[in-house]
Amino acid sequence: MAAGKDLIVGVDMGGTSLRALVVDGKNKILAVEKTPTRRDKKTGELISDIAALVEDAVDSARRKWPHVRAVSFGAPGAVDPERGIVHRAPNLGWTNVALGPRLRELLGVPILVENDVNVGVMGEYALGAAKGAQEVVGVFVGTGIGGGIISRGKLYEGGRGAAGEVGHIVIQVDGPKCGCGKRGCAEAVASRTAMEREVRAALKAGRKSVIPKIMKKRHKNRMTSSVIQAALKKKDPLMREVVKHAQYYLGILVANIVNTLDPQVVVIGGGIAERLQEDYVGPIRKTAYKYFLQSRDAERVKIVPGVLGD
């Protein structure tokens, strides 16, 4: 590490929001900045927004730009880490975007671009819920559903850099249409977006719920994790039903993953898991165990919520 260059900035590029985190050489968090993801903007404009967010985060850390060693980006889709290209990010509407090179021009520091869930799973493996394990799968539930795989202590990316896209494992043949264009993907039946679709359909059909009132009070036009948590605290029947539905499909998804890869730990991450913890992950685990092919010693496969959060 060059003298004085002790800061790393990490950026999570979510479909709903962008988050930048500044840490020092000991992984101490110095600042966090967040802004909505303006998916309606042109690609170049959104990249400029991302660069500005990084600069704002460094300012909030009360450090100077020369202290920045590098910036790491977690992009929601298939990427080429060597060239810094985002091949496809459906939730951003991106195809073959040279994110790394463009940000190097704007920020003037080394840029790492990797799949967002891959870097999240690496974090849980190195510092969080999967620390000490060598075979790990992460399933992160948010606007979509992403996955990451650690095998023998190393990130497994596959032949085209697209390994771990567990959100596009088909769970319900001929089910709802997914953001990827296909039908019945796990993301289409169990993501926060899928849950919101079910809620809105039920409300339109005349179901009663406190969800609209909560969203209005919190000035939310989308059903965020905080809205889900608030509705569950009020024991809203519709919210309970929709969450239970999503948990069942996530349990099926996890069982398929375990039957294929036999990991030591499955980490469930994302905003809902962060807020609800065991209340969210427990039913997922229970369903998954039922569908393990190797049911003997099923509990040896730890299915746990992530601990690092955003």
Protein backbone atom coordinates (compact mmCIF):
# COMPACT_ATOMS: atom_id res chain seq x y z
CA MET A 1 0.00 0.00 0.00
CA ALA A 2 1.41 3.39 -0.94
CA ALA A 3 2.18 5.72 1.96
CA GLY A 4 -0.89 7.70 2.94
CA LYS A 5 -3.25 5.79 0.64
CA ASP A 6 -5.17 4.00 3.38
CA LEU A 7 -8.79 4.39 2.26
CA ILE A 8 -10.95 1.97 0.29
CA VAL A 9 -14.36 3.04 -0.98
CA GLY A 10 -16.92 0.31 -1.64
CA VAL A 11 -20.05 1.01 -3.68
CA ASP A 12 -23.19 -1.14 -3.77
CA MET A 13 -25.15 -0.44 -6.95
CA GLY A 14 -28.66 -1.59 -6.07
CA GLY A 15 -31.73 -1.30 -8.24
CA THR A 16 -33.32 0.97 -5.63
CA SER A 17 -30.37 2.84 -4.14
CA LEU A 18 -26.63 3.45 -4.44
CA ARG A 19 -24.51 3.20 -1.28
CA ALA A 20 -20.87 4.20 -0.78
CA LEU A 21 -18.87 3.07 2.23
CA VAL A 22 -15.43 4.39 3.21
CA VAL A 23 -13.13 2.20 5.32
CA ASP A 24 -9.56 2.52 6.52
CA GLY A 25 -6.81 -0.11 6.42
CA LYS A 26 -8.30 -1.88 9.46
CA ASN A 27 -11.81 -2.09 7.93
CA LYS A 28 -13.11 0.60 10.28
CA ILE A 29 -16.12 2.35 8.72
CA LEU A 30 -15.46 6.08 8.41
CA ALA A 31 -18.47 7.21 6.40
CA VAL A 32 -21.54 6.00 4.51
CA GLU A 33 -23.44 7.87 1.82
CA LYS A 34 -26.63 6.82 0.05
CA THR A 35 -28.66 8.13 -2.88
CA PRO A 36 -31.57 6.77 -4.97
CA THR A 37 -30.70 4.85 -8.14
CA ARG A 38 -32.00 6.99 -10.99
CA ARG A 39 -32.61 4.24 -13.50
CA ASP A 40 -34.39 6.70 -15.80
CA LYS A 41 -31.10 8.48 -16.48
CA LYS A 42 -28.79 7.75 -19.38
CA THR A 43 -25.89 5.43 -18.58
CA GLY A 44 -23.26 8.18 -18.69
CA GLU A 45 -25.30 10.39 -16.35
CA LEU A 46 -25.79 7.57 -13.85
CA ILE A 47 -22.04 6.82 -13.87
CA SER A 48 -21.37 10.50 -13.17
CA ASP A 49 -23.80 10.28 -10.23
CA ILE A 50 -21.89 7.27 -8.92
CA ALA A 51 -18.58 9.13 -9.13
CA ALA A 52 -20.08 12.10 -7.28
CA LEU A 53 -21.41 9.76 -4.57
CA VAL A 54 -17.90 8.35 -4.05
CA GLU A 55 -16.44 11.85 -3.72
CA ASP A 56 -19.19 12.84 -1.27
CA ALA A 57 -18.45 9.76 0.86
CA VAL A 58 -14.74 10.63 1.06
CA ASP A 59 -15.67 14.20 2.02
CA SER A 60 -17.99 12.85 4.74
CA ALA A 61 -15.08 10.78 6.09
CA ARG A 62 -13.19 14.08 6.43
CA ARG A 63 -10.32 12.73 4.42
CA LYS A 64 -8.60 14.04 1.30
CA TRP A 65 -8.86 12.35 -2.08
CA PRO A 66 -5.09 11.51 -2.20
CA HIS A 67 -5.76 9.11 0.72
CA VAL A 68 -7.94 6.90 -1.52
CA ARG A 69 -6.18 3.72 -2.59
CA ALA A 70 -8.96 2.25 -4.77
CA VAL A 71 -12.73 2.06 -5.29
CA SER A 72 -14.61 -1.25 -5.45
CA PHE A 73 -17.98 -1.56 -7.17
CA GLY A 74 -20.58 -4.26 -6.71
CA ALA A 75 -22.70 -4.26 -9.88
CA PRO A 76 -26.05 -6.12 -10.09
CA GLY A 77 -25.36 -8.49 -12.97
CA ALA A 78 -22.76 -10.42 -14.95
CA VAL A 79 -19.41 -8.64 -15.12
CA ASP A 80 -15.91 -9.01 -16.52
CA PRO A 81 -13.72 -8.06 -13.52
CA GLU A 82 -10.51 -7.96 -15.55
CA ARG A 83 -11.83 -5.31 -17.95
CA GLY A 84 -14.34 -3.69 -15.59
CA ILE A 85 -17.27 -4.29 -17.94
CA VAL A 86 -20.83 -4.88 -16.78
CA HIS A 87 -22.13 -7.31 -19.39
CA ARG A 88 -25.74 -7.30 -18.29
CA ALA A 89 -27.50 -5.68 -15.36
CA PRO A 90 -31.28 -6.06 -15.92
CA ASN A 91 -32.27 -3.98 -12.90
CA LEU A 92 -30.23 -1.04 -14.25
CA GLY A 93 -31.09 -1.63 -17.90
CA TRP A 94 -27.37 -1.97 -18.72
CA THR A 95 -25.75 -4.09 -21.44
CA ASN A 96 -21.96 -4.13 -22.00
CA VAL A 97 -21.22 -0.96 -20.03
CA ALA A 98 -17.50 -0.16 -19.53
CA LEU A 99 -18.02 0.94 -15.94
CA GLY A 100 -14.42 0.45 -14.77
CA PRO A 101 -12.71 2.43 -17.55
CA ARG A 102 -15.24 5.28 -17.34
CA LEU A 103 -14.87 5.60 -13.59
CA ARG A 104 -11.08 5.46 -13.81
CA GLU A 105 -11.29 8.49 -16.07
CA LEU A 106 -13.58 10.32 -13.64
CA LEU A 107 -11.90 9.37 -10.35
CA GLY A 108 -8.28 8.74 -11.29
CA VAL A 109 -7.76 5.74 -8.98
CA PRO A 110 -7.75 1.94 -9.50
CA ILE A 111 -11.28 0.57 -9.94
CA LEU A 112 -12.50 -2.95 -9.17
CA VAL A 113 -15.81 -4.00 -10.71
CA GLU A 114 -17.36 -7.25 -9.54
CA ASN A 115 -20.84 -8.72 -9.24
CA ASP A 116 -22.55 -7.15 -6.23
CA VAL A 117 -23.48 -10.40 -4.54
CA ASN A 118 -20.04 -11.88 -5.19
CA VAL A 119 -18.43 -9.07 -3.20
CA GLY A 120 -21.15 -9.33 -0.54
CA VAL A 121 -20.54 -13.05 -0.15
CA MET A 122 -16.78 -12.46 -0.03
CA GLY A 123 -17.42 -10.04 2.82
CA GLU A 124 -19.49 -12.56 4.77
CA TYR A 125 -16.83 -15.21 4.09
CA ALA A 126 -13.92 -13.03 5.21
CA LEU A 127 -15.50 -11.05 8.06
CA GLY A 128 -19.06 -12.21 8.70
CA ALA A 129 -21.53 -15.08 8.99
CA ALA A 130 -19.47 -17.60 6.98
CA LYS A 131 -16.08 -16.83 8.50
CA GLY A 132 -14.05 -20.05 8.81
CA ALA A 133 -16.01 -22.01 6.17
CA GLN A 134 -14.50 -23.00 2.82
CA GLU A 135 -17.69 -23.88 0.90
CA VAL A 136 -20.22 -21.05 0.98
CA VAL A 137 -23.20 -19.85 -1.05
CA GLY A 138 -24.80 -16.46 -0.56
CA VAL A 139 -28.38 -15.65 -1.55
CA PHE A 140 -29.14 -11.93 -1.37
CA VAL A 141 -32.78 -10.87 -1.61
CA GLY A 142 -33.64 -7.32 -2.60
CA THR A 143 -35.06 -5.69 -5.72
CA GLY A 144 -33.89 -8.93 -7.35
CA ILE A 145 -32.21 -12.08 -6.06
CA GLY A 146 -28.49 -12.58 -6.54
CA GLY A 147 -26.07 -15.28 -5.51
CA GLY A 148 -22.37 -15.86 -4.99
CA ILE A 149 -20.29 -19.01 -4.54
CA ILE A 150 -17.12 -19.59 -2.53
CA SER A 151 -15.45 -22.94 -3.26
CA ARG A 152 -12.31 -24.09 -1.45
CA GLY A 153 -11.96 -20.61 -0.05
CA LYS A 154 -12.02 -18.85 -3.42
CA LEU A 155 -14.69 -17.02 -5.36
CA TYR A 156 -16.11 -19.26 -8.09
CA GLU A 157 -17.06 -17.21 -11.15
CA GLY A 158 -17.55 -19.85 -13.84
CA GLY A 159 -16.37 -19.91 -17.42
CA ARG A 160 -18.06 -16.63 -18.42
CA GLY A 161 -18.00 -14.80 -15.10
CA ALA A 162 -21.73 -15.39 -14.55
CA ALA A 163 -21.74 -18.17 -11.93
CA GLY A 164 -24.02 -17.75 -8.95
CA GLU A 165 -27.05 -16.21 -10.67
CA VAL A 166 -29.34 -18.24 -8.41
CA GLY A 167 -32.16 -15.74 -8.76
CA HIS A 168 -32.72 -17.06 -12.26
CA ILE A 169 -33.10 -20.69 -11.32
CA VAL A 170 -36.63 -21.52 -12.48
CA ILE A 171 -38.83 -22.33 -9.48
CA GLN A 172 -42.29 -22.08 -11.02
CA VAL A 173 -42.54 -23.14 -14.68
CA ASP A 174 -44.73 -20.69 -16.61
CA GLY A 175 -44.81 -18.47 -13.52
CA PRO A 176 -44.67 -14.66 -13.40
CA LYS A 177 -42.41 -12.88 -15.85
CA CYS A 178 -38.98 -12.01 -14.48
CA GLY A 179 -36.91 -8.89 -15.14
CA CYS A 180 -34.62 -11.07 -17.26
CA GLY A 181 -37.52 -11.71 -19.67
CA LYS A 182 -38.10 -15.35 -18.77
CA ARG A 183 -40.83 -16.79 -16.54
CA GLY A 184 -40.86 -18.46 -13.16
CA CYS A 185 -37.39 -17.48 -11.94
CA ALA A 186 -36.85 -17.37 -8.18
CA GLU A 187 -36.50 -13.61 -8.52
CA ALA A 188 -39.97 -13.43 -10.10
CA VAL A 189 -41.64 -15.22 -7.18
CA ALA A 190 -39.59 -14.41 -4.07
CA SER A 191 -37.79 -11.05 -4.43
CA ARG A 192 -39.01 -7.85 -2.82
CA THR A 193 -40.24 -6.80 -6.27
CA ALA A 194 -42.27 -10.01 -6.53
CA MET A 195 -43.71 -9.44 -3.07
CA GLU A 196 -44.74 -5.92 -3.99
CA ARG A 197 -46.41 -7.20 -7.16
CA GLU A 198 -48.45 -9.65 -5.10
CA VAL A 199 -49.41 -6.98 -2.59
CA ARG A 200 -50.52 -4.51 -5.26
CA ALA A 201 -52.56 -7.18 -7.05
CA ALA A 202 -54.28 -8.13 -3.79
CA LEU A 203 -55.05 -4.49 -2.94
CA LYS A 204 -56.45 -3.94 -6.43
CA ALA A 205 -58.68 -6.99 -5.92
CA GLY A 206 -60.09 -5.42 -2.74
CA ARG A 207 -57.96 -6.93 0.05
CA LYS A 208 -57.62 -4.75 3.14
CA SER A 209 -54.15 -3.94 4.48
CA VAL A 210 -52.21 -1.36 6.48
CA ILE A 211 -49.46 -1.37 3.85
CA PRO A 212 -50.70 1.67 1.82
CA LYS A 213 -51.04 3.68 5.04
CA ILE A 214 -47.50 2.77 6.13
CA MET A 215 -46.07 3.67 2.71
CA LYS A 216 -47.89 7.01 2.69
CA LYS A 217 -46.73 7.84 6.23
CA ARG A 218 -43.12 7.04 5.34
CA HIS A 219 -43.32 8.81 1.95
CA LYS A 220 -42.48 5.60 0.11
CA ASN A 221 -43.68 4.86 -3.40
CA ARG A 222 -42.11 1.38 -3.31
CA MET A 223 -42.52 -1.41 -0.77
CA THR A 224 -39.13 -1.23 0.94
CA SER A 225 -37.77 -3.60 3.59
CA SER A 226 -38.72 -1.09 6.29
CA VAL A 227 -42.34 -1.09 5.07
CA ILE A 228 -42.41 -4.89 5.13
CA GLN A 229 -41.05 -4.92 8.67
CA ALA A 230 -43.55 -2.31 9.87
CA ALA A 231 -46.50 -4.19 8.35
CA LEU A 232 -45.38 -7.44 9.96
CA LYS A 233 -45.08 -5.71 13.34
CA LYS A 234 -48.72 -4.71 12.94
CA LYS A 235 -49.53 -8.35 12.09
CA ASP A 236 -50.98 -7.36 8.75
CA PRO A 237 -52.57 -10.54 7.28
CA LEU A 238 -51.74 -9.68 3.67
CA MET A 239 -48.10 -8.93 4.45
CA ARG A 240 -47.78 -12.14 6.46
CA GLU A 241 -49.26 -14.13 3.59
CA VAL A 242 -46.96 -12.60 0.96
CA VAL A 243 -43.82 -13.03 3.08
CA LYS A 244 -44.73 -16.65 3.83
CA HIS A 245 -45.19 -17.27 0.12
CA ALA A 246 -41.75 -15.79 -0.68
CA GLN A 247 -40.09 -17.73 2.17
CA TYR A 248 -41.46 -21.00 0.80
CA TYR A 249 -40.01 -20.38 -2.65
CA LEU A 250 -36.70 -19.28 -1.15
CA GLY A 251 -36.61 -22.54 0.82
CA ILE A 252 -37.05 -24.47 -2.43
CA LEU A 253 -34.31 -22.39 -4.02
CA VAL A 254 -31.88 -23.04 -1.17
CA ALA A 255 -32.63 -26.78 -1.29
CA ASN A 256 -31.81 -26.83 -5.01
CA ILE A 257 -28.55 -24.99 -4.33
CA VAL A 258 -27.57 -27.38 -1.54
CA ASN A 259 -28.45 -30.45 -3.61
CA THR A 260 -26.18 -29.12 -6.37
CA LEU A 261 -23.22 -27.65 -4.47
CA ASP A 262 -23.34 -29.11 -0.92
CA PRO A 263 -22.00 -25.98 0.82
CA GLN A 264 -21.13 -25.76 4.51
CA VAL A 265 -22.95 -22.43 4.90
CA VAL A 266 -25.74 -20.67 3.02
CA VAL A 267 -25.90 -16.98 3.91
CA ILE A 268 -29.21 -15.19 3.34
CA GLY A 269 -28.56 -11.48 2.85
CA GLY A 270 -30.32 -8.34 1.71
CA GLY A 271 -32.48 -5.74 3.41
CA ILE A 272 -35.32 -8.02 4.50
CA ALA A 273 -32.96 -10.57 6.06
CA GLU A 274 -31.01 -7.78 7.74
CA ARG A 275 -34.15 -6.40 9.38
CA LEU A 276 -36.02 -9.60 10.23
CA GLN A 277 -33.06 -11.94 10.86
CA GLU A 278 -34.20 -15.34 12.19
CA ASP A 279 -37.90 -14.55 11.73
CA TYR A 280 -37.19 -14.38 8.01
CA VAL A 281 -34.52 -17.07 7.65
CA GLY A 282 -36.05 -19.66 10.00
CA PRO A 283 -38.98 -20.63 7.71
CA ILE A 284 -36.62 -20.65 4.69
CA ARG A 285 -34.33 -23.09 6.53
CA LYS A 286 -37.24 -25.30 7.58
CA THR A 287 -38.50 -25.67 3.99
CA ALA A 288 -35.00 -26.19 2.60
CA TYR A 289 -34.25 -29.03 5.02
CA LYS A 290 -37.42 -30.82 3.85
CA TYR A 291 -36.19 -30.85 0.26
CA PHE A 292 -32.54 -31.85 0.83
CA LEU A 293 -31.75 -35.01 -1.09
CA GLN A 294 -29.15 -35.88 1.57
CA SER A 295 -31.42 -35.47 4.59
CA ARG A 296 -29.03 -37.16 7.00
CA ASP A 297 -27.22 -34.53 9.07
CA ALA A 298 -29.13 -31.80 7.23
CA GLU A 299 -28.46 -29.40 10.11
CA ARG A 300 -24.74 -29.54 9.29
CA VAL A 301 -25.57 -27.16 6.44
CA LYS A 302 -25.88 -23.83 8.22
CA ILE A 303 -28.53 -21.55 6.71
CA VAL A 304 -28.04 -18.21 8.41
CA PRO A 305 -28.74 -14.48 7.95
CA GLY A 306 -25.84 -12.27 6.96
CA VAL A 307 -24.30 -10.11 9.67
CA LEU A 308 -22.55 -7.31 7.75
CA GLY A 309 -25.68 -5.55 6.50
CA ASP A 310 -25.35 -2.79 3.90
